[in-house]
Amino acid sequence: MQRLFLLISIACLTIFFAPSALAQNTSFPLTRPLDLWSLARQEPVAFPSKEGEKCRYSVQIDFSKAYISGVGIIAYTDNQIAGSVFNEFGVSALSFSYNPQKEKVKILSVAGKLNRWYIKSVIKKDLKKLIKVLQEGGTSYKNQKYNITYTFVPLAVEDEITE
């Protein structure tokens, strides 16, 4: 656990001090400073529709007394859609796969407090409906019965950092 926090601290220092190191013409591993505004300006892909395509999302799942936020990745591989939601520290909250031919969702893993059969059943049904919403270009789905809101906002990501 201490190693994880050390790695996170090093990553944060690298991101925050990279522009100042480049301005001083010192040797630094990054070729240019990170431009977060350019990431926001790019047009994101709403949902993977072809083999090998990936989409990244800013995810927030709101429950009545708690919420989960983080980053979600959905990829189209092997005639299936695989997805994962993890928080800012890299801890996986939810992993699933969706078979478009059978229209079935399979939950692969969930975080500790959500790992109950009755909760996984609700999440499974909601993910199936959420995938339909995402395919139509929407960004959120609300389960009225249990007051759960799923929000998946597409993120724009640079393909490559070039020199």
C-alpha atoms as a PDB file:
ATOM      1  CA  MET A   1       0.000   0.000   0.000  1.00  0.00           C
ATOM      2  CA  GLN A   2       2.866   2.361   0.794  1.00  0.00           C
ATOM      3  CA  ARG A   3       4.374   1.660  -2.625  1.00  0.00           C
ATOM      4  CA  LEU A   4       1.085   2.597  -4.274  1.00  0.00           C
ATOM      5  CA  PHE A   5       0.987   5.966  -2.506  1.00  0.00           C
ATOM      6  CA  LEU A   6       4.651   6.542  -3.348  1.00  0.00           C
ATOM      7  CA  LEU A   7       3.996   5.850  -7.043  1.00  0.00           C
ATOM      8  CA  ILE A   8       0.963   8.143  -7.026  1.00  0.00           C
ATOM      9  CA  SER A   9       3.019  10.904  -5.394  1.00  0.00           C
ATOM     10  CA  ILE A  10       5.786  10.545  -7.982  1.00  0.00           C
ATOM     11  CA  ALA A  11       3.233  10.642 -10.810  1.00  0.00           C
ATOM     12  CA  CYS A  12       1.632  13.804  -9.404  1.00  0.00           C
ATOM     13  CA  LEU A  13       5.000  15.513  -9.037  1.00  0.00           C
ATOM     14  CA  THR A  14       5.899  14.575 -12.597  1.00  0.00           C
ATOM     15  CA  ILE A  15       2.667  16.016 -13.971  1.00  0.00           C
ATOM     16  CA  PHE A  16       2.749  19.243 -11.951  1.00  0.00           C
ATOM     17  CA  PHE A  17       6.439  20.063 -12.345  1.00  0.00           C
ATOM     18  CA  ALA A  18       6.962  18.931 -15.947  1.00  0.00           C
ATOM     19  CA  PRO A  19       6.166  22.346 -17.493  1.00  0.00           C
ATOM     20  CA  SER A  20       8.593  24.182 -15.175  1.00  0.00           C
ATOM     21  CA  ALA A  21      11.381  21.678 -15.888  1.00  0.00           C
ATOM     22  CA  LEU A  22      10.873  22.085 -19.625  1.00  0.00           C
ATOM     23  CA  ALA A  23      10.893  25.867 -19.349  1.00  0.00           C
ATOM     24  CA  GLN A  24      14.339  25.714 -17.702  1.00  0.00           C
ATOM     25  CA  ASN A  25      15.700  23.554 -20.574  1.00  0.00           C
ATOM     26  CA  THR A  26      16.657  20.755 -18.222  1.00  0.00           C
ATOM     27  CA  SER A  27      16.558  17.165 -19.330  1.00  0.00           C
ATOM     28  CA  PHE A  28      13.171  15.687 -18.521  1.00  0.00           C
ATOM     29  CA  PRO A  29      11.474  12.538 -19.843  1.00  0.00           C
ATOM     30  CA  LEU A  30       8.375  14.329 -21.170  1.00  0.00           C
ATOM     31  CA  THR A  31       8.722  15.798 -24.647  1.00  0.00           C
ATOM     32  CA  ARG A  32       6.211  18.595 -23.987  1.00  0.00           C
ATOM     33  CA  PRO A  33       3.985  19.783 -21.151  1.00  0.00           C
ATOM     34  CA  LEU A  34       0.579  18.199 -20.721  1.00  0.00           C
ATOM     35  CA  ASP A  35      -2.144  20.324 -22.281  1.00  0.00           C
ATOM     36  CA  LEU A  36      -5.362  19.289 -20.551  1.00  0.00           C
ATOM     37  CA  TRP A  37      -7.421  21.858 -22.474  1.00  0.00           C
ATOM     38  CA  SER A  38      -6.579  20.190 -25.768  1.00  0.00           C
ATOM     39  CA  LEU A  39      -7.928  16.934 -24.354  1.00  0.00           C
ATOM     40  CA  ALA A  40     -11.253  18.597 -23.655  1.00  0.00           C
ATOM     41  CA  ARG A  41     -11.448  20.160 -27.129  1.00  0.00           C
ATOM     42  CA  GLN A  42     -11.213  16.885 -29.057  1.00  0.00           C
ATOM     43  CA  GLU A  43     -14.394  15.185 -30.213  1.00  0.00           C
ATOM     44  CA  PRO A  44     -14.838  11.959 -28.208  1.00  0.00           C
ATOM     45  CA  VAL A  45     -16.189   8.691 -29.584  1.00  0.00           C
ATOM     46  CA  ALA A  46     -19.517   7.962 -27.873  1.00  0.00           C
ATOM     47  CA  PHE A  47     -19.495   4.145 -27.952  1.00  0.00           C
ATOM     48  CA  PRO A  48     -17.262   1.474 -29.535  1.00  0.00           C
ATOM     49  CA  SER A  49     -18.892   0.108 -32.653  1.00  0.00           C
ATOM     50  CA  LYS A  50     -15.995  -1.647 -34.426  1.00  0.00           C
ATOM     51  CA  GLU A  51     -13.598  -4.391 -33.420  1.00  0.00           C
ATOM     52  CA  GLY A  52     -10.653  -2.977 -31.487  1.00  0.00           C
ATOM     53  CA  GLU A  53     -12.262   0.395 -30.775  1.00  0.00           C
ATOM     54  CA  LYS A  54     -12.091   1.814 -27.229  1.00  0.00           C
ATOM     55  CA  CYS A  55     -13.961   4.594 -25.472  1.00  0.00           C
ATOM     56  CA  ARG A  56     -13.023   6.363 -22.268  1.00  0.00           C
ATOM     57  CA  TYR A  57     -15.534   7.923 -19.913  1.00  0.00           C
ATOM     58  CA  SER A  58     -15.697  10.021 -16.807  1.00  0.00           C
ATOM     59  CA  VAL A  59     -18.005   7.916 -14.663  1.00  0.00           C
ATOM     60  CA  GLN A  60     -20.197   8.721 -11.696  1.00  0.00           C
ATOM     61  CA  ILE A  61     -22.625   6.225 -10.186  1.00  0.00           C
ATOM     62  CA  ASP A  62     -24.876   7.876  -7.596  1.00  0.00           C
ATOM     63  CA  PHE A  63     -26.648   5.756  -4.989  1.00  0.00           C
ATOM     64  CA  SER A  64     -29.027   7.162  -2.386  1.00  0.00           C
ATOM     65  CA  LYS A  65     -26.345   7.309   0.342  1.00  0.00           C
ATOM     66  CA  ALA A  66     -23.062   7.070  -1.573  1.00  0.00           C
ATOM     67  CA  TYR A  67     -21.439   7.443  -4.980  1.00  0.00           C
ATOM     68  CA  ILE A  68     -18.641   5.975  -7.072  1.00  0.00           C
ATOM     69  CA  SER A  69     -16.630   8.205  -9.370  1.00  0.00           C
ATOM     70  CA  GLY A  70     -13.699   7.515 -11.624  1.00  0.00           C
ATOM     71  CA  VAL A  71     -12.770   6.558 -15.141  1.00  0.00           C
ATOM     72  CA  GLY A  72     -14.464   3.962 -17.294  1.00  0.00           C
ATOM     73  CA  ILE A  73     -13.137   2.178 -20.351  1.00  0.00           C
ATOM     74  CA  ILE A  74     -15.331   0.255 -22.759  1.00  0.00           C
ATOM     75  CA  ALA A  75     -13.715  -1.745 -25.570  1.00  0.00           C
ATOM     76  CA  TYR A  76     -15.098  -3.854 -28.404  1.00  0.00           C
ATOM     77  CA  THR A  77     -13.066  -7.079 -28.567  1.00  0.00           C
ATOM     78  CA  ASP A  78     -13.788 -10.624 -29.748  1.00  0.00           C
ATOM     79  CA  ASN A  79     -17.395  -9.795 -30.710  1.00  0.00           C
ATOM     80  CA  GLN A  80     -18.028  -8.633 -27.138  1.00  0.00           C
ATOM     81  CA  ILE A  81     -18.036  -5.343 -25.334  1.00  0.00           C
ATOM     82  CA  ALA A  82     -15.859  -5.340 -22.232  1.00  0.00           C
ATOM     83  CA  GLY A  83     -15.975  -2.554 -19.689  1.00  0.00           C
ATOM     84  CA  SER A  84     -14.302  -1.535 -16.481  1.00  0.00           C
ATOM     85  CA  VAL A  85     -14.800   1.324 -14.034  1.00  0.00           C
ATOM     86  CA  PHE A  86     -11.985   2.262 -11.675  1.00  0.00           C
ATOM     87  CA  ASN A  87     -11.371   5.171  -9.351  1.00  0.00           C
ATOM     88  CA  GLU A  88      -8.584   7.760  -9.491  1.00  0.00           C
ATOM     89  CA  PHE A  89      -6.251   5.451  -7.558  1.00  0.00           C
ATOM     90  CA  GLY A  90      -6.670   2.548  -9.987  1.00  0.00           C
ATOM     91  CA  VAL A  91      -8.915   0.438  -7.753  1.00  0.00           C
ATOM     92  CA  SER A  92     -11.467  -1.400  -9.873  1.00  0.00           C
ATOM     93  CA  ALA A  93     -15.064  -0.764  -8.831  1.00  0.00           C
ATOM     94  CA  LEU A  94     -16.796  -2.734 -11.578  1.00  0.00           C
ATOM     95  CA  SER A  95     -15.867  -4.946 -14.530  1.00  0.00           C
ATOM     96  CA  PHE A  96     -18.348  -6.399 -16.987  1.00  0.00           C
ATOM     97  CA  SER A  97     -18.801  -7.860 -20.447  1.00  0.00           C
ATOM     98  CA  TYR A  98     -21.738  -7.524 -22.835  1.00  0.00           C
ATOM     99  CA  ASN A  99     -22.616  -9.894 -25.653  1.00  0.00           C
ATOM    100  CA  PRO A 100     -24.442  -7.842 -28.326  1.00  0.00           C
ATOM    101  CA  GLN A 101     -25.821 -10.921 -30.141  1.00  0.00           C
ATOM    102  CA  LYS A 102     -27.487 -12.348 -27.022  1.00  0.00           C
ATOM    103  CA  GLU A 103     -27.934  -8.944 -25.353  1.00  0.00           C
ATOM    104  CA  LYS A 104     -26.584 -10.333 -22.074  1.00  0.00           C
ATOM    105  CA  VAL A 105     -24.430  -8.629 -19.460  1.00  0.00           C
ATOM    106  CA  LYS A 106     -22.010 -10.608 -17.335  1.00  0.00           C
ATOM    107  CA  ILE A 107     -20.544  -8.960 -14.245  1.00  0.00           C
ATOM    108  CA  LEU A 108     -16.926 -10.062 -13.851  1.00  0.00           C
ATOM    109  CA  SER A 109     -16.069  -8.255 -10.616  1.00  0.00           C
ATOM    110  CA  VAL A 110     -17.428  -5.606  -8.275  1.00  0.00           C
ATOM    111  CA  ALA A 111     -16.040  -3.691  -5.309  1.00  0.00           C
ATOM    112  CA  GLY A 112     -16.483  -5.032  -1.776  1.00  0.00           C
ATOM    113  CA  LYS A 113     -19.699  -3.359  -0.593  1.00  0.00           C
ATOM    114  CA  LEU A 114     -21.403  -3.979  -3.957  1.00  0.00           C
ATOM    115  CA  ASN A 115     -20.554  -7.691  -3.967  1.00  0.00           C
ATOM    116  CA  ARG A 116     -24.018  -8.917  -2.957  1.00  0.00           C
ATOM    117  CA  TRP A 117     -26.207 -11.006  -5.245  1.00  0.00           C
ATOM    118  CA  TYR A 118     -29.174  -8.640  -5.011  1.00  0.00           C
ATOM    119  CA  ILE A 119     -27.034  -5.560  -5.750  1.00  0.00           C
ATOM    120  CA  LYS A 120     -25.253  -7.285  -8.639  1.00  0.00           C
ATOM    121  CA  SER A 121     -28.634  -8.258 -10.067  1.00  0.00           C
ATOM    122  CA  VAL A 122     -29.771  -4.621 -10.135  1.00  0.00           C
ATOM    123  CA  ILE A 123     -26.447  -3.421 -11.571  1.00  0.00           C
ATOM    124  CA  LYS A 124     -26.584  -6.108 -14.267  1.00  0.00           C
ATOM    125  CA  LYS A 125     -30.041  -4.984 -15.443  1.00  0.00           C
ATOM    126  CA  ASP A 126     -29.034  -1.328 -15.265  1.00  0.00           C
ATOM    127  CA  LEU A 127     -25.847  -1.900 -17.279  1.00  0.00           C
ATOM    128  CA  LYS A 128     -27.871  -3.542 -20.029  1.00  0.00           C
ATOM    129  CA  LYS A 129     -30.104  -0.454 -20.227  1.00  0.00           C
ATOM    130  CA  LEU A 130     -27.136   1.917 -19.886  1.00  0.00           C
ATOM    131  CA  ILE A 131     -25.363   0.275 -22.839  1.00  0.00           C
ATOM    132  CA  LYS A 132     -28.464   0.880 -24.968  1.00  0.00           C
ATOM    133  CA  VAL A 133     -28.480   4.543 -23.878  1.00  0.00           C
ATOM    134  CA  LEU A 134     -24.758   4.918 -24.682  1.00  0.00           C
ATOM    135  CA  GLN A 135     -25.233   3.323 -28.116  1.00  0.00           C
ATOM    136  CA  GLU A 136     -27.938   5.900 -28.873  1.00  0.00           C
ATOM    137  CA  GLY A 137     -25.605   8.748 -27.888  1.00  0.00           C
ATOM    138  CA  GLY A 138     -26.918   9.424 -24.383  1.00  0.00           C
ATOM    139  CA  THR A 139     -24.757   9.891 -21.311  1.00  0.00           C
ATOM    140  CA  SER A 140     -26.861   8.849 -18.327  1.00  0.00           C
ATOM    141  CA  TYR A 141     -29.444   6.386 -17.110  1.00  0.00           C
ATOM    142  CA  LYS A 142     -31.506   6.570 -13.908  1.00  0.00           C
ATOM    143  CA  ASN A 143     -33.039   3.595 -12.149  1.00  0.00           C
ATOM    144  CA  GLN A 144     -36.186   5.179 -10.689  1.00  0.00           C
ATOM    145  CA  LYS A 145     -37.033   2.250  -8.402  1.00  0.00           C
ATOM    146  CA  TYR A 146     -33.723   2.209  -6.506  1.00  0.00           C
ATOM    147  CA  ASN A 147     -32.701   5.828  -7.155  1.00  0.00           C
ATOM    148  CA  ILE A 148     -29.398   4.941  -8.841  1.00  0.00           C
ATOM    149  CA  THR A 149     -28.005   7.289 -11.486  1.00  0.00           C
ATOM    150  CA  TYR A 150     -25.300   6.168 -13.913  1.00  0.00           C
ATOM    151  CA  THR A 151     -23.479   8.981 -15.731  1.00  0.00           C
ATOM    152  CA  PHE A 152     -20.886   8.164 -18.413  1.00  0.00           C
ATOM    153  CA  VAL A 153     -19.466  11.308 -20.047  1.00  0.00           C
ATOM    154  CA  PRO A 154     -17.078  10.570 -22.963  1.00  0.00           C
ATOM    155  CA  LEU A 155     -13.514  11.780 -22.495  1.00  0.00           C
ATOM    156  CA  ALA A 156     -11.422  13.129 -25.344  1.00  0.00           C
ATOM    157  CA  VAL A 157      -7.938  11.622 -25.321  1.00  0.00           C
ATOM    158  CA  GLU A 158      -4.915  12.416 -27.474  1.00  0.00           C
ATOM    159  CA  ASP A 159      -3.906   9.462 -29.609  1.00  0.00           C
ATOM    160  CA  GLU A 160      -0.171  10.097 -29.346  1.00  0.00           C
ATOM    161  CA  ILE A 161       2.212  12.566 -27.852  1.00  0.00           C
ATOM    162  CA  THR A 162       4.660  13.481 -30.577  1.00  0.00           C
ATOM    163  CA  GLU A 163       7.971  15.251 -30.338  1.00  0.00           C
END
